N, C-alpha and C. Protein backbone atom coordinates (compact mmCIF):
# COMPACT_ATOMS: atom_id res chain seq x y z
N ALA A 1 0.81 -1.21 0.00
CA ALA A 1 0.00 0.00 0.00
C ALA A 1 0.85 1.27 0.00
N PHE A 2 2.07 1.19 0.49
CA PHE A 2 2.91 2.38 0.59
C PHE A 2 3.71 2.58 -0.70
N GLY A 3 3.61 3.79 -1.25
CA GLY A 3 4.25 4.07 -2.52
C GLY A 3 5.48 4.95 -2.38
N ASN A 4 6.28 4.97 -3.42
CA ASN A 4 7.49 5.78 -3.47
C ASN A 4 7.09 7.22 -3.82
N SER A 5 6.39 7.86 -2.89
CA SER A 5 5.82 9.18 -3.15
C SER A 5 6.85 10.29 -3.14
N GLY A 6 8.03 10.04 -2.56
CA GLY A 6 9.07 11.05 -2.51
C GLY A 6 9.97 11.03 -3.73
N TYR A 7 10.70 9.93 -3.91
CA TYR A 7 11.66 9.84 -5.02
C TYR A 7 10.97 9.73 -6.37
N PHE A 8 9.78 9.17 -6.40
CA PHE A 8 9.07 8.94 -7.68
C PHE A 8 7.89 9.89 -7.84
N GLY A 9 7.06 9.99 -6.79
CA GLY A 9 5.81 10.73 -6.91
C GLY A 9 5.98 12.22 -7.11
N ILE A 10 6.87 12.85 -6.35
CA ILE A 10 7.05 14.30 -6.47
C ILE A 10 7.65 14.67 -7.83
N PRO A 11 8.69 13.97 -8.33
CA PRO A 11 9.14 14.26 -9.70
C PRO A 11 8.04 14.07 -10.75
N VAL A 12 7.19 13.04 -10.57
CA VAL A 12 6.07 12.84 -11.49
C VAL A 12 5.11 14.03 -11.45
N CYS A 13 4.85 14.52 -10.24
CA CYS A 13 3.97 15.68 -10.09
C CYS A 13 4.56 16.90 -10.80
N LEU A 14 5.86 17.12 -10.63
CA LEU A 14 6.51 18.25 -11.28
C LEU A 14 6.48 18.13 -12.80
N ALA A 15 6.54 16.90 -13.29
CA ALA A 15 6.59 16.67 -14.73
C ALA A 15 5.21 16.74 -15.39
N LEU A 16 4.17 16.25 -14.70
CA LEU A 16 2.88 16.05 -15.34
C LEU A 16 1.79 17.03 -14.90
N LEU A 17 2.01 17.75 -13.80
CA LEU A 17 0.97 18.62 -13.26
C LEU A 17 1.49 20.04 -13.10
N PRO A 18 0.57 21.02 -13.00
CA PRO A 18 1.00 22.40 -12.73
C PRO A 18 1.70 22.50 -11.38
N SER A 19 2.51 23.55 -11.21
CA SER A 19 3.28 23.70 -9.98
C SER A 19 2.40 23.83 -8.74
N ASP A 20 1.16 24.28 -8.92
CA ASP A 20 0.25 24.44 -7.77
C ASP A 20 -0.09 23.09 -7.12
N ALA A 21 0.12 21.98 -7.85
CA ALA A 21 -0.21 20.66 -7.32
C ALA A 21 0.87 20.11 -6.40
N LEU A 22 2.02 20.79 -6.37
CA LEU A 22 3.16 20.26 -5.61
C LEU A 22 2.85 20.15 -4.12
N SER A 23 2.12 21.13 -3.57
CA SER A 23 1.82 21.09 -2.14
C SER A 23 0.97 19.88 -1.77
N PHE A 24 0.07 19.48 -2.67
CA PHE A 24 -0.75 18.29 -2.40
C PHE A 24 0.11 17.03 -2.42
N SER A 25 1.05 16.96 -3.36
CA SER A 25 1.93 15.79 -3.43
C SER A 25 2.84 15.71 -2.22
N ILE A 26 3.36 16.85 -1.78
CA ILE A 26 4.23 16.86 -0.60
C ILE A 26 3.44 16.46 0.65
N GLY A 27 2.20 16.96 0.76
CA GLY A 27 1.36 16.58 1.89
C GLY A 27 1.10 15.09 1.92
N PHE A 28 0.81 14.50 0.75
CA PHE A 28 0.61 13.05 0.65
C PHE A 28 1.88 12.32 1.09
N ASP A 29 3.04 12.79 0.63
CA ASP A 29 4.31 12.14 0.95
C ASP A 29 4.59 12.20 2.44
N LEU A 30 4.33 13.34 3.08
CA LEU A 30 4.57 13.47 4.52
C LEU A 30 3.68 12.51 5.30
N GLY A 31 2.40 12.44 4.92
CA GLY A 31 1.48 11.53 5.60
C GLY A 31 1.88 10.08 5.42
N ALA A 32 2.25 9.71 4.19
CA ALA A 32 2.64 8.32 3.91
C ALA A 32 3.91 7.95 4.65
N THR A 33 4.88 8.87 4.68
CA THR A 33 6.14 8.60 5.38
C THR A 33 5.90 8.39 6.87
N LEU A 34 5.05 9.23 7.46
CA LEU A 34 4.73 9.08 8.87
C LEU A 34 4.05 7.75 9.14
N LEU A 35 3.13 7.36 8.27
CA LEU A 35 2.42 6.10 8.46
C LEU A 35 3.34 4.90 8.34
N ILE A 36 4.17 4.89 7.31
CA ILE A 36 4.98 3.69 7.07
C ILE A 36 6.03 3.49 8.16
N TRP A 37 6.56 4.58 8.71
CA TRP A 37 7.58 4.42 9.74
C TRP A 37 7.00 4.31 11.14
N THR A 38 5.66 4.40 11.26
CA THR A 38 5.02 4.12 12.54
C THR A 38 4.31 2.77 12.51
N LEU A 39 3.52 2.53 11.46
CA LEU A 39 2.80 1.26 11.35
C LEU A 39 3.70 0.13 10.85
N GLY A 40 4.67 0.47 9.98
CA GLY A 40 5.52 -0.56 9.40
C GLY A 40 6.24 -1.41 10.43
N PRO A 41 6.98 -0.80 11.37
CA PRO A 41 7.66 -1.61 12.39
C PRO A 41 6.70 -2.44 13.24
N ILE A 42 5.48 -1.91 13.46
CA ILE A 42 4.50 -2.66 14.24
C ILE A 42 4.07 -3.92 13.47
N LEU A 43 3.81 -3.76 12.17
CA LEU A 43 3.35 -4.89 11.36
C LEU A 43 4.43 -5.95 11.20
N LEU A 44 5.69 -5.53 11.19
CA LEU A 44 6.79 -6.47 10.98
C LEU A 44 7.42 -6.94 12.28
N SER A 45 6.88 -6.49 13.41
CA SER A 45 7.46 -6.83 14.70
C SER A 45 7.35 -8.33 14.95
N SER A 46 8.41 -8.90 15.55
CA SER A 46 8.38 -10.33 15.90
C SER A 46 7.46 -10.59 17.07
N SER A 47 7.16 -9.54 17.85
CA SER A 47 6.22 -9.68 18.97
C SER A 47 5.12 -8.65 18.81
N PRO A 48 4.11 -8.94 17.97
CA PRO A 48 3.06 -7.97 17.69
C PRO A 48 2.31 -7.57 18.94
N LEU A 49 1.74 -6.36 18.87
CA LEU A 49 1.01 -5.85 20.03
C LEU A 49 -0.22 -6.70 20.31
N PRO A 50 -0.49 -7.03 21.58
CA PRO A 50 -1.69 -7.81 21.93
C PRO A 50 -2.95 -6.97 21.76
N ILE A 51 -3.68 -7.21 20.67
CA ILE A 51 -4.82 -6.37 20.34
C ILE A 51 -5.90 -6.44 21.41
N ARG A 52 -6.09 -7.60 22.01
CA ARG A 52 -7.17 -7.76 22.99
C ARG A 52 -6.70 -7.46 24.42
N SER A 53 -5.46 -7.14 24.56
CA SER A 53 -4.94 -6.89 25.90
C SER A 53 -5.21 -5.46 26.31
N GLY A 54 -5.29 -5.25 27.62
CA GLY A 54 -5.48 -3.90 28.13
C GLY A 54 -4.26 -3.03 27.93
N ASP A 55 -3.10 -3.68 27.63
CA ASP A 55 -1.88 -2.93 27.42
C ASP A 55 -1.71 -2.48 25.96
N PHE A 56 -2.73 -2.74 25.15
CA PHE A 56 -2.58 -2.42 23.71
C PHE A 56 -2.35 -0.93 23.50
N ALA A 57 -3.17 -0.10 24.14
CA ALA A 57 -3.07 1.35 23.93
C ALA A 57 -1.71 1.87 24.36
N SER A 58 -1.25 1.46 25.54
CA SER A 58 0.05 1.94 26.02
C SER A 58 1.18 1.41 25.15
N GLY A 59 1.05 0.15 24.68
CA GLY A 59 2.07 -0.41 23.79
C GLY A 59 2.12 0.31 22.46
N LEU A 60 0.94 0.67 21.94
CA LEU A 60 0.88 1.39 20.67
C LEU A 60 1.52 2.77 20.81
N VAL A 61 1.19 3.48 21.90
CA VAL A 61 1.76 4.81 22.12
C VAL A 61 3.27 4.71 22.25
N LYS A 62 3.76 3.68 22.96
CA LYS A 62 5.20 3.50 23.14
C LYS A 62 5.89 3.25 21.79
N THR A 63 5.26 2.43 20.95
CA THR A 63 5.84 2.14 19.64
C THR A 63 5.87 3.37 18.76
N LEU A 64 4.78 4.15 18.78
CA LEU A 64 4.72 5.36 17.96
C LEU A 64 5.72 6.40 18.42
N THR A 65 5.90 6.54 19.72
CA THR A 65 6.84 7.55 20.22
C THR A 65 8.29 7.17 19.92
N ARG A 66 8.55 5.86 19.77
CA ARG A 66 9.90 5.42 19.43
C ARG A 66 10.19 5.51 17.94
N SER A 67 9.16 5.74 17.14
CA SER A 67 9.33 5.77 15.68
C SER A 67 10.19 6.95 15.26
N PRO A 68 11.15 6.73 14.34
CA PRO A 68 11.96 7.85 13.85
C PRO A 68 11.12 8.89 13.10
N ALA A 69 10.03 8.45 12.48
CA ALA A 69 9.18 9.40 11.77
C ALA A 69 8.51 10.37 12.74
N THR A 70 8.02 9.84 13.87
CA THR A 70 7.39 10.70 14.87
C THR A 70 8.40 11.68 15.44
N LYS A 71 9.59 11.19 15.76
CA LYS A 71 10.63 12.06 16.30
C LYS A 71 11.03 13.12 15.29
N GLY A 72 11.14 12.72 14.02
CA GLY A 72 11.50 13.67 12.98
C GLY A 72 10.45 14.75 12.79
N LEU A 73 9.17 14.34 12.84
CA LEU A 73 8.08 15.31 12.68
C LEU A 73 8.06 16.30 13.84
N LEU A 74 8.23 15.79 15.06
CA LEU A 74 8.25 16.69 16.23
C LEU A 74 9.46 17.62 16.17
N GLY A 75 10.59 17.07 15.74
CA GLY A 75 11.78 17.91 15.61
C GLY A 75 11.59 19.01 14.58
N ALA A 76 10.95 18.66 13.45
CA ALA A 76 10.70 19.67 12.41
C ALA A 76 9.76 20.76 12.91
N LEU A 77 8.75 20.37 13.70
CA LEU A 77 7.82 21.36 14.25
C LEU A 77 8.53 22.30 15.22
N VAL A 78 9.41 21.74 16.05
CA VAL A 78 10.15 22.57 16.99
C VAL A 78 11.05 23.56 16.24
N ILE A 79 11.73 23.05 15.19
CA ILE A 79 12.61 23.92 14.41
C ILE A 79 11.83 25.06 13.75
N GLN A 80 10.64 24.75 13.25
CA GLN A 80 9.81 25.76 12.61
C GLN A 80 9.39 26.86 13.58
N LEU A 81 9.30 26.54 14.86
CA LEU A 81 8.88 27.51 15.87
C LEU A 81 10.02 28.39 16.37
N THR A 82 11.25 28.05 16.00
CA THR A 82 12.40 28.85 16.46
C THR A 82 12.74 29.91 15.43
N PRO A 83 13.44 30.96 15.86
CA PRO A 83 13.86 32.01 14.89
C PRO A 83 15.08 31.60 14.07
N TRP A 84 15.60 30.40 14.30
CA TRP A 84 16.82 29.96 13.60
C TRP A 84 16.52 28.87 12.57
N THR A 85 15.32 28.91 12.01
CA THR A 85 14.91 27.85 11.07
C THR A 85 15.87 27.71 9.90
N GLN A 86 16.22 28.81 9.25
CA GLN A 86 17.08 28.75 8.07
C GLN A 86 18.48 28.25 8.43
N VAL A 87 19.00 28.68 9.57
CA VAL A 87 20.35 28.26 9.98
C VAL A 87 20.38 26.76 10.24
N ILE A 88 19.39 26.27 10.98
CA ILE A 88 19.33 24.84 11.29
C ILE A 88 19.13 24.01 10.03
N THR A 89 18.26 24.50 9.14
CA THR A 89 18.01 23.80 7.87
C THR A 89 19.29 23.67 7.06
N SER A 90 20.07 24.76 7.00
CA SER A 90 21.34 24.72 6.26
C SER A 90 22.33 23.76 6.90
N ALA A 91 22.30 23.70 8.24
CA ALA A 91 23.26 22.85 8.95
C ALA A 91 22.98 21.36 8.74
N ILE A 92 21.69 20.99 8.64
CA ILE A 92 21.37 19.56 8.50
C ILE A 92 21.18 19.14 7.05
N TRP A 93 21.38 20.07 6.11
CA TRP A 93 21.20 19.74 4.70
C TRP A 93 22.15 18.64 4.26
N LEU A 94 23.44 18.79 4.55
CA LEU A 94 24.43 17.78 4.12
C LEU A 94 24.25 16.46 4.85
N PRO A 95 24.12 16.44 6.20
CA PRO A 95 23.90 15.14 6.87
C PRO A 95 22.67 14.40 6.37
N SER A 96 21.60 15.13 6.06
CA SER A 96 20.40 14.45 5.57
C SER A 96 20.65 13.81 4.22
N ARG A 97 21.45 14.46 3.38
CA ARG A 97 21.76 13.88 2.07
C ARG A 97 22.63 12.64 2.23
N VAL A 98 23.53 12.64 3.22
CA VAL A 98 24.37 11.47 3.48
C VAL A 98 23.50 10.29 3.89
N VAL A 99 22.52 10.54 4.77
CA VAL A 99 21.62 9.47 5.21
C VAL A 99 20.84 8.90 4.03
N ILE A 100 20.34 9.78 3.15
CA ILE A 100 19.59 9.33 1.97
C ILE A 100 20.47 8.46 1.08
N CYS A 101 21.71 8.90 0.87
CA CYS A 101 22.63 8.13 0.02
C CYS A 101 22.91 6.76 0.62
N LEU A 102 23.09 6.70 1.95
CA LEU A 102 23.34 5.41 2.60
C LEU A 102 22.12 4.49 2.47
N ALA A 103 20.92 5.07 2.60
CA ALA A 103 19.71 4.26 2.46
C ALA A 103 19.61 3.70 1.05
N LEU A 104 19.92 4.52 0.05
CA LEU A 104 19.86 4.06 -1.33
C LEU A 104 20.95 3.02 -1.61
N MET A 105 22.09 3.12 -0.92
CA MET A 105 23.13 2.11 -1.07
C MET A 105 22.63 0.76 -0.56
N VAL A 106 21.90 0.77 0.57
CA VAL A 106 21.32 -0.47 1.09
C VAL A 106 20.39 -1.09 0.06
N VAL A 107 19.56 -0.24 -0.56
CA VAL A 107 18.66 -0.73 -1.60
C VAL A 107 19.44 -1.32 -2.76
N GLY A 108 20.48 -0.61 -3.19
CA GLY A 108 21.28 -1.09 -4.31
C GLY A 108 21.97 -2.41 -4.02
N ILE A 109 22.50 -2.56 -2.81
CA ILE A 109 23.17 -3.81 -2.42
C ILE A 109 22.18 -4.97 -2.45
N ARG A 110 20.97 -4.73 -1.94
CA ARG A 110 19.96 -5.80 -1.93
C ARG A 110 19.53 -6.14 -3.35
N LEU A 111 19.33 -5.12 -4.20
CA LEU A 111 18.92 -5.38 -5.58
C LEU A 111 20.00 -6.14 -6.34
N SER A 112 21.27 -5.84 -6.03
CA SER A 112 22.36 -6.52 -6.74
C SER A 112 22.44 -8.00 -6.38
N SER A 113 21.83 -8.37 -5.25
CA SER A 113 21.87 -9.78 -4.83
C SER A 113 20.81 -10.62 -5.53
N LEU A 114 19.88 -9.97 -6.22
CA LEU A 114 18.85 -10.73 -6.94
C LEU A 114 19.47 -11.46 -8.12
N THR A 115 19.13 -12.71 -8.28
CA THR A 115 19.68 -13.51 -9.37
C THR A 115 18.68 -13.53 -10.52
N PHE A 116 18.78 -12.53 -11.40
CA PHE A 116 17.84 -12.43 -12.50
C PHE A 116 18.02 -13.53 -13.54
N SER A 117 19.15 -14.25 -13.45
CA SER A 117 19.37 -15.35 -14.38
C SER A 117 18.58 -16.60 -13.99
N ASN A 118 18.12 -16.63 -12.75
CA ASN A 118 17.38 -17.79 -12.25
C ASN A 118 15.91 -17.61 -12.63
N LYS A 119 15.56 -17.97 -13.85
CA LYS A 119 14.23 -17.69 -14.37
C LYS A 119 13.11 -18.40 -13.62
N PRO A 120 13.22 -19.70 -13.28
CA PRO A 120 12.14 -20.33 -12.52
C PRO A 120 11.87 -19.63 -11.19
N ALA A 121 12.93 -19.26 -10.47
CA ALA A 121 12.75 -18.58 -9.18
C ALA A 121 12.10 -17.23 -9.38
N ASN A 122 12.49 -16.53 -10.44
CA ASN A 122 11.89 -15.22 -10.71
C ASN A 122 10.42 -15.35 -11.06
N ARG A 123 10.07 -16.41 -11.78
CA ARG A 123 8.65 -16.62 -12.11
C ARG A 123 7.84 -16.86 -10.84
N ASP A 124 8.42 -17.62 -9.92
CA ASP A 124 7.73 -17.87 -8.65
C ASP A 124 7.55 -16.58 -7.86
N LEU A 125 8.60 -15.75 -7.85
CA LEU A 125 8.52 -14.47 -7.15
C LEU A 125 7.48 -13.56 -7.79
N LEU A 126 7.45 -13.57 -9.12
CA LEU A 126 6.50 -12.71 -9.83
C LEU A 126 5.07 -13.13 -9.54
N LEU A 127 4.83 -14.45 -9.50
CA LEU A 127 3.49 -14.94 -9.15
C LEU A 127 3.13 -14.54 -7.71
N LEU A 128 4.12 -14.57 -6.83
CA LEU A 128 3.89 -14.25 -5.43
C LEU A 128 3.51 -12.78 -5.25
N ILE A 129 4.18 -11.88 -5.99
CA ILE A 129 3.95 -10.46 -5.80
C ILE A 129 2.90 -9.89 -6.73
N SER A 130 2.36 -10.71 -7.64
CA SER A 130 1.37 -10.21 -8.61
C SER A 130 0.17 -9.52 -7.94
N PRO A 131 -0.43 -10.11 -6.88
CA PRO A 131 -1.53 -9.40 -6.22
C PRO A 131 -1.10 -8.04 -5.66
N SER A 132 0.12 -7.95 -5.13
CA SER A 132 0.63 -6.69 -4.61
C SER A 132 0.78 -5.66 -5.72
N LEU A 133 1.27 -6.09 -6.87
CA LEU A 133 1.42 -5.19 -8.01
C LEU A 133 0.06 -4.68 -8.48
N LEU A 134 -0.91 -5.57 -8.54
CA LEU A 134 -2.25 -5.18 -8.96
C LEU A 134 -2.85 -4.15 -8.00
N ILE A 135 -2.70 -4.42 -6.70
CA ILE A 135 -3.24 -3.50 -5.70
C ILE A 135 -2.53 -2.15 -5.76
N LYS A 136 -1.19 -2.18 -5.81
CA LYS A 136 -0.42 -0.93 -5.72
C LYS A 136 -0.59 -0.05 -6.95
N LEU A 137 -0.54 -0.64 -8.13
CA LEU A 137 -0.50 0.16 -9.36
C LEU A 137 -1.86 0.44 -9.96
N PHE A 138 -2.90 -0.31 -9.56
CA PHE A 138 -4.21 -0.13 -10.17
C PHE A 138 -5.33 0.11 -9.16
N ILE A 139 -5.43 -0.76 -8.16
CA ILE A 139 -6.58 -0.68 -7.25
C ILE A 139 -6.48 0.55 -6.34
N LEU A 140 -5.30 0.82 -5.78
CA LEU A 140 -5.16 1.97 -4.88
C LEU A 140 -5.41 3.31 -5.59
N PRO A 141 -4.83 3.55 -6.77
CA PRO A 141 -5.16 4.81 -7.45
C PRO A 141 -6.63 4.89 -7.87
N ALA A 142 -7.23 3.75 -8.23
CA ALA A 142 -8.66 3.76 -8.55
C ALA A 142 -9.49 4.11 -7.32
N LEU A 143 -9.08 3.58 -6.16
CA LEU A 143 -9.77 3.91 -4.91
C LEU A 143 -9.61 5.38 -4.57
N MET A 144 -8.41 5.92 -4.77
CA MET A 144 -8.18 7.34 -4.51
C MET A 144 -9.03 8.21 -5.45
N PHE A 145 -9.15 7.79 -6.70
CA PHE A 145 -9.98 8.53 -7.66
C PHE A 145 -11.44 8.52 -7.21
N ALA A 146 -11.92 7.35 -6.78
CA ALA A 146 -13.31 7.24 -6.33
C ALA A 146 -13.55 8.11 -5.09
N LEU A 147 -12.62 8.11 -4.15
CA LEU A 147 -12.76 8.94 -2.95
C LEU A 147 -12.74 10.42 -3.30
N SER A 148 -11.89 10.79 -4.25
CA SER A 148 -11.81 12.20 -4.67
C SER A 148 -13.13 12.66 -5.28
N ILE A 149 -13.74 11.78 -6.08
CA ILE A 149 -15.03 12.12 -6.67
C ILE A 149 -16.11 12.19 -5.60
N ALA A 150 -16.06 11.23 -4.66
CA ALA A 150 -17.08 11.19 -3.60
C ALA A 150 -17.03 12.43 -2.72
N PHE A 151 -15.84 12.95 -2.46
CA PHE A 151 -15.69 14.13 -1.61
C PHE A 151 -15.60 15.43 -2.40
N SER A 152 -15.82 15.34 -3.73
CA SER A 152 -15.85 16.53 -4.60
C SER A 152 -14.57 17.36 -4.46
N LEU A 153 -13.43 16.69 -4.47
CA LEU A 153 -12.17 17.42 -4.38
C LEU A 153 -11.89 18.18 -5.67
N PRO A 154 -11.20 19.31 -5.59
CA PRO A 154 -10.82 20.02 -6.81
C PRO A 154 -9.99 19.13 -7.73
N SER A 155 -10.11 19.36 -9.01
CA SER A 155 -9.46 18.47 -9.99
C SER A 155 -7.95 18.42 -9.81
N LEU A 156 -7.33 19.55 -9.46
CA LEU A 156 -5.88 19.57 -9.30
C LEU A 156 -5.45 18.71 -8.11
N MET A 157 -6.18 18.82 -7.01
CA MET A 157 -5.89 17.99 -5.84
C MET A 157 -6.14 16.53 -6.16
N ARG A 158 -7.24 16.24 -6.84
CA ARG A 158 -7.57 14.86 -7.20
C ARG A 158 -6.46 14.25 -8.05
N ASN A 159 -6.01 14.97 -9.07
CA ASN A 159 -4.98 14.44 -9.96
C ASN A 159 -3.67 14.17 -9.20
N ALA A 160 -3.31 15.09 -8.30
CA ALA A 160 -2.07 14.91 -7.54
C ALA A 160 -2.16 13.69 -6.63
N LEU A 161 -3.29 13.52 -5.96
CA LEU A 161 -3.45 12.40 -5.04
C LEU A 161 -3.51 11.07 -5.78
N VAL A 162 -4.18 11.04 -6.93
CA VAL A 162 -4.27 9.80 -7.70
C VAL A 162 -2.89 9.39 -8.21
N LEU A 163 -2.13 10.35 -8.73
CA LEU A 163 -0.79 10.02 -9.23
C LEU A 163 0.14 9.57 -8.09
N GLN A 164 -0.03 10.16 -6.91
CA GLN A 164 0.77 9.71 -5.77
C GLN A 164 0.37 8.29 -5.36
N ALA A 165 -0.92 8.01 -5.40
CA ALA A 165 -1.39 6.65 -5.07
C ALA A 165 -0.92 5.63 -6.09
N ALA A 166 -0.62 6.08 -7.31
CA ALA A 166 -0.21 5.18 -8.39
C ALA A 166 1.30 4.92 -8.41
N THR A 167 2.04 5.51 -7.49
CA THR A 167 3.49 5.33 -7.48
C THR A 167 3.86 3.89 -7.12
N PRO A 168 5.05 3.44 -7.51
CA PRO A 168 5.46 2.07 -7.20
C PRO A 168 5.74 1.89 -5.72
N THR A 169 6.00 0.66 -5.32
CA THR A 169 6.25 0.34 -3.92
C THR A 169 7.40 1.17 -3.36
N ALA A 170 7.22 1.66 -2.14
CA ALA A 170 8.20 2.55 -1.53
C ALA A 170 9.51 1.82 -1.23
N VAL A 171 10.62 2.56 -1.39
CA VAL A 171 11.93 2.04 -1.00
C VAL A 171 11.93 1.72 0.49
N SER A 172 11.13 2.45 1.27
CA SER A 172 11.07 2.22 2.72
C SER A 172 10.63 0.79 3.05
N VAL A 173 9.83 0.19 2.18
CA VAL A 173 9.40 -1.20 2.42
C VAL A 173 10.61 -2.13 2.46
N LEU A 174 11.54 -1.92 1.54
CA LEU A 174 12.76 -2.72 1.51
C LEU A 174 13.64 -2.43 2.73
N LEU A 175 13.73 -1.15 3.11
CA LEU A 175 14.53 -0.79 4.28
C LEU A 175 13.95 -1.42 5.55
N LEU A 176 12.62 -1.43 5.66
CA LEU A 176 11.98 -2.06 6.82
C LEU A 176 12.21 -3.57 6.81
N ALA A 177 12.15 -4.18 5.62
CA ALA A 177 12.40 -5.62 5.52
C ALA A 177 13.83 -5.94 5.93
N GLU A 178 14.78 -5.08 5.53
CA GLU A 178 16.17 -5.28 5.93
C GLU A 178 16.32 -5.14 7.45
N ALA A 179 15.67 -4.12 8.00
CA ALA A 179 15.80 -3.86 9.45
C ALA A 179 15.21 -4.99 10.28
N SER A 180 14.12 -5.59 9.77
CA SER A 180 13.47 -6.66 10.52
C SER A 180 14.01 -8.04 10.16
N GLY A 181 14.79 -8.12 9.08
CA GLY A 181 15.35 -9.39 8.65
C GLY A 181 14.31 -10.34 8.08
N LYS A 182 13.26 -9.80 7.45
CA LYS A 182 12.17 -10.63 6.95
C LYS A 182 11.93 -10.37 5.45
N GLU A 183 12.01 -11.44 4.66
CA GLU A 183 11.58 -11.44 3.25
C GLU A 183 12.21 -10.31 2.44
N GLN A 184 13.52 -10.13 2.61
CA GLN A 184 14.20 -9.05 1.91
C GLN A 184 14.16 -9.22 0.40
N ASN A 185 14.35 -10.47 -0.08
CA ASN A 185 14.36 -10.69 -1.52
C ASN A 185 13.00 -10.40 -2.14
N ILE A 186 11.92 -10.77 -1.44
CA ILE A 186 10.58 -10.48 -1.94
C ILE A 186 10.37 -8.97 -2.01
N ALA A 187 10.79 -8.27 -0.96
CA ALA A 187 10.64 -6.81 -0.95
C ALA A 187 11.45 -6.17 -2.08
N ALA A 188 12.67 -6.65 -2.29
CA ALA A 188 13.51 -6.10 -3.35
C ALA A 188 12.89 -6.34 -4.72
N PHE A 189 12.38 -7.54 -4.93
CA PHE A 189 11.75 -7.86 -6.22
C PHE A 189 10.50 -7.03 -6.42
N LEU A 190 9.75 -6.78 -5.35
CA LEU A 190 8.54 -5.98 -5.44
C LEU A 190 8.86 -4.53 -5.78
N VAL A 191 9.87 -3.97 -5.12
CA VAL A 191 10.28 -2.59 -5.41
C VAL A 191 10.74 -2.46 -6.86
N THR A 192 11.57 -3.42 -7.29
CA THR A 192 12.09 -3.36 -8.67
C THR A 192 10.98 -3.52 -9.70
N SER A 193 10.14 -4.55 -9.55
CA SER A 193 9.10 -4.83 -10.53
C SER A 193 8.07 -3.70 -10.59
N SER A 194 7.66 -3.20 -9.43
CA SER A 194 6.64 -2.14 -9.44
C SER A 194 7.19 -0.85 -10.05
N THR A 195 8.48 -0.58 -9.81
CA THR A 195 9.07 0.64 -10.38
C THR A 195 9.15 0.54 -11.90
N LEU A 196 9.56 -0.62 -12.41
CA LEU A 196 9.63 -0.80 -13.86
C LEU A 196 8.24 -0.70 -14.49
N MET A 197 7.23 -1.29 -13.85
CA MET A 197 5.87 -1.25 -14.38
C MET A 197 5.28 0.16 -14.29
N ALA A 198 5.64 0.89 -13.22
CA ALA A 198 5.08 2.23 -13.03
C ALA A 198 5.52 3.20 -14.12
N ILE A 199 6.65 2.91 -14.76
CA ILE A 199 7.09 3.75 -15.88
C ILE A 199 6.02 3.78 -16.98
N PHE A 200 5.23 2.71 -17.06
CA PHE A 200 4.16 2.63 -18.06
C PHE A 200 2.79 2.94 -17.47
N THR A 201 2.54 2.50 -16.22
CA THR A 201 1.19 2.66 -15.66
C THR A 201 0.91 4.10 -15.22
N VAL A 202 1.92 4.82 -14.70
CA VAL A 202 1.68 6.20 -14.27
C VAL A 202 1.30 7.11 -15.44
N PRO A 203 1.97 7.03 -16.60
CA PRO A 203 1.49 7.83 -17.74
C PRO A 203 0.07 7.45 -18.17
N LEU A 204 -0.29 6.17 -18.04
CA LEU A 204 -1.66 5.77 -18.37
C LEU A 204 -2.66 6.43 -17.43
N TRP A 205 -2.32 6.50 -16.13
CA TRP A 205 -3.21 7.18 -15.19
C TRP A 205 -3.29 8.67 -15.49
N SER A 206 -2.17 9.25 -15.91
CA SER A 206 -2.17 10.66 -16.27
C SER A 206 -3.10 10.94 -17.46
N ILE A 207 -3.05 10.05 -18.45
CA ILE A 207 -3.95 10.18 -19.61
C ILE A 207 -5.39 10.02 -19.18
N PHE A 208 -5.65 9.06 -18.30
CA PHE A 208 -7.01 8.84 -17.80
C PHE A 208 -7.55 10.07 -17.08
N LEU A 209 -6.71 10.70 -16.26
CA LEU A 209 -7.13 11.87 -15.50
C LEU A 209 -7.44 13.06 -16.40
N ARG A 210 -6.81 13.13 -17.54
CA ARG A 210 -7.09 14.21 -18.47
C ARG A 210 -8.44 14.02 -19.18
């Protein structure tokens, strides 16, 4: 369900939509990033929260407060409230780029481990992730389009949200799989396959929206 709304979605918005749509795409990306880094670790946890237990609420709050996304959002809000916003932003510009590069290196290392010459194994993986590809590239953007129509959203907002929903699987999914040590090859194959397919499906959604 989580798409590459930052590295893929925002450039798509800049390329296919007027500049006024950028704020909607960034808002979608911020919300998706917060969700994936709060719910993702919970879903992949080896000891899931006891849903029927009285400790569920406190456990959920504890997990959310430990999330790097929550800490990052709170830190950004604090920085925005200080008179030194520009200075702090300039100071963390380079470190943030280093972190992004390291994250992309992890993705590259995992992708390089895929054995594309092993055709039977790849066919099995493709069959395994086919429902995920269908949901991510077709069903989710169709659902976003239906919700936009139901709530009578402006066309520019609708188009931005639908294109963001149509983005391929987020790189964060692979990073979470690496961090939890679960199904890394499946996650890598899903990220790769959905990105390659999105090169064709996103323009189709753009044509449909027009």
